Protein backbone atom coordinates (compact mmCIF):
# COMPACT_ATOMS: atom_id res chain seq x y z
CA MET A 1 0.09 -0.37 0.30
CA TYR A 2 3.11 2.79 1.66
CA GLU A 3 4.62 1.46 -2.24
CA GLN A 4 2.32 1.95 -3.70
CA ASN A 5 1.72 5.43 -2.52
CA ILE A 6 4.72 6.33 -3.16
CA ILE A 7 5.12 5.74 -6.62
CA LYS A 8 1.94 7.77 -7.22
CA LEU A 9 3.85 10.39 -5.60
CA LEU A 10 6.83 10.23 -7.38
CA LEU A 11 5.21 10.13 -10.49
CA PHE A 12 2.95 12.79 -9.54
CA ILE A 13 6.00 14.93 -9.59
CA GLU A 14 8.04 13.78 -12.85
CA ASN A 15 4.62 15.80 -14.34
CA LYS A 16 4.41 18.59 -11.80
CA PRO A 17 7.96 19.37 -9.08
CA PHE A 18 7.05 23.08 -9.32
CA LEU A 19 4.02 21.83 -7.06
CA PHE A 20 6.29 20.36 -4.65
CA PHE A 21 9.56 22.48 -5.24
CA GLY A 22 9.41 26.03 -6.88
CA ASP A 23 10.75 27.36 -10.64
CA ASP A 24 13.99 26.44 -9.70
CA TYR A 25 14.16 23.01 -8.52
CA SER A 26 16.63 20.78 -8.61
CA ILE A 27 17.12 16.86 -8.40
CA MET A 28 18.42 17.33 -4.94
CA ASP A 29 14.90 18.67 -4.19
CA LEU A 30 13.48 15.44 -5.65
CA ARG A 31 16.41 13.66 -2.97
CA HIS A 32 15.34 15.88 0.88
CA PHE A 33 12.78 15.65 -0.66
CA CYS A 34 12.13 11.41 -0.56
CA THR A 35 14.60 11.35 2.57
CA GLY A 36 11.91 13.49 4.70
CA TYR A 37 9.54 11.64 2.68
CA MET A 38 11.01 8.01 4.75
CA LEU A 39 12.16 10.19 7.42
CA CYS A 40 8.22 10.34 8.50
CA LEU A 41 7.16 6.35 7.87
CA ARG A 42 9.73 5.12 9.66
CA ASP A 43 8.44 8.09 12.71
CA LEU A 44 5.28 6.46 12.63
CA GLY A 45 6.37 3.07 12.84
CA ILE A 46 6.58 1.61 9.55
CA THR A 47 9.38 -0.16 9.07
CA ASN A 48 8.00 -2.32 5.62
CA VAL A 49 8.78 -0.07 3.01
CA HIS A 50 11.74 -1.55 0.31
CA ILE A 51 10.82 0.68 -2.83
CA LEU A 52 13.48 3.19 -2.66
CA SER A 53 16.20 2.05 -1.35
CA ASP A 54 15.19 -1.12 -4.03
CA PHE A 55 14.91 1.65 -6.72
CA ASP A 56 18.91 2.25 -5.11
CA ASP A 57 20.17 -1.16 -5.85
CA TYR A 58 18.64 -0.99 -9.43
CA VAL A 59 20.58 2.35 -9.84
CA ALA A 60 23.69 1.11 -9.03
CA ARG A 61 23.31 -1.63 -10.55
CA TYR A 62 22.71 -0.10 -13.80
CA TYR A 63 25.85 2.35 -13.97
CA GLY A 64 28.21 -0.98 -12.37
CA ASP A 65 29.51 0.83 -8.78
CA PHE A 66 28.75 0.14 -5.93
CA LEU A 67 29.42 2.79 -4.03
CA SER A 68 26.26 2.93 -1.21
CA LEU A 69 25.41 6.04 -2.97
CA ASP A 70 21.37 6.79 -2.86
CA ALA A 71 20.26 7.13 -6.73
CA CYS A 72 19.61 10.54 -6.97
CA SER A 73 23.52 10.69 -6.35
CA TYR A 74 24.45 7.98 -8.42
CA VAL A 75 22.46 10.22 -11.24
CA ILE A 76 23.79 13.53 -10.33
CA LEU A 77 27.50 12.28 -10.38
CA LYS A 78 26.51 10.41 -14.00
CA THR A 79 24.82 13.15 -15.64
CA GLU A 80 25.89 16.40 -17.47
CA SER A 81 23.72 18.80 -15.48
CA GLU A 82 20.95 19.06 -13.63
CA ASP A 83 18.06 19.45 -16.30
CA ALA A 84 19.75 15.88 -17.27
CA ALA A 85 20.17 14.47 -14.26
CA PHE A 86 15.95 14.72 -12.87
CA ASN A 87 15.28 13.05 -16.38
CA LYS A 88 17.54 10.53 -15.95
CA TYR A 89 16.27 10.03 -12.17
CA TYR A 90 12.98 9.70 -14.03
CA GLU A 91 14.18 7.24 -17.26
CA LEU A 92 15.75 5.13 -14.63
CA PHE A 93 12.93 5.34 -12.16
CA HIS A 94 9.94 3.82 -14.93
CA SER A 95 12.19 1.35 -15.92
CA PHE A 96 12.70 -0.11 -12.52
CA LEU A 97 9.03 0.06 -12.26
CA GLU A 98 8.75 -2.14 -14.95
CA GLN A 99 11.11 -4.89 -13.56
CA HIS A 100 9.53 -4.40 -10.62
CA GLN A 101 5.75 -5.14 -12.15
CA GLN A 102 7.68 -8.07 -13.99
CA SER A 103 8.59 -9.46 -11.32
CA ASP A 104 5.60 -9.22 -9.13
CA GLY A 105 3.54 -10.42 -11.64
CA SER A 106 5.77 -13.02 -12.20
CA LYS A 107 5.55 -14.29 -8.10
């Protein structure tokens, strides 16, 4: 349930990031938002939500680099600009969701 909520929220942010971060949004804004969201869930005692950490692992495998970074940090290091990083994050997120849904369907 909570994982679906996070997915829906991130997809909404993709289409209207300025509603959450203003006109000068960046991938770091997205990173801080995700961190805060997950901390809020943990404070509420909800600890079985792993979609973002699974996405971090997916991005690490994508880049073949395992520095224990979150997805946003990997994307920032591997792209040339904030805009490119924001777009790449969502490109990878969609790819991850497709793979995630396929693996859920095969269970």
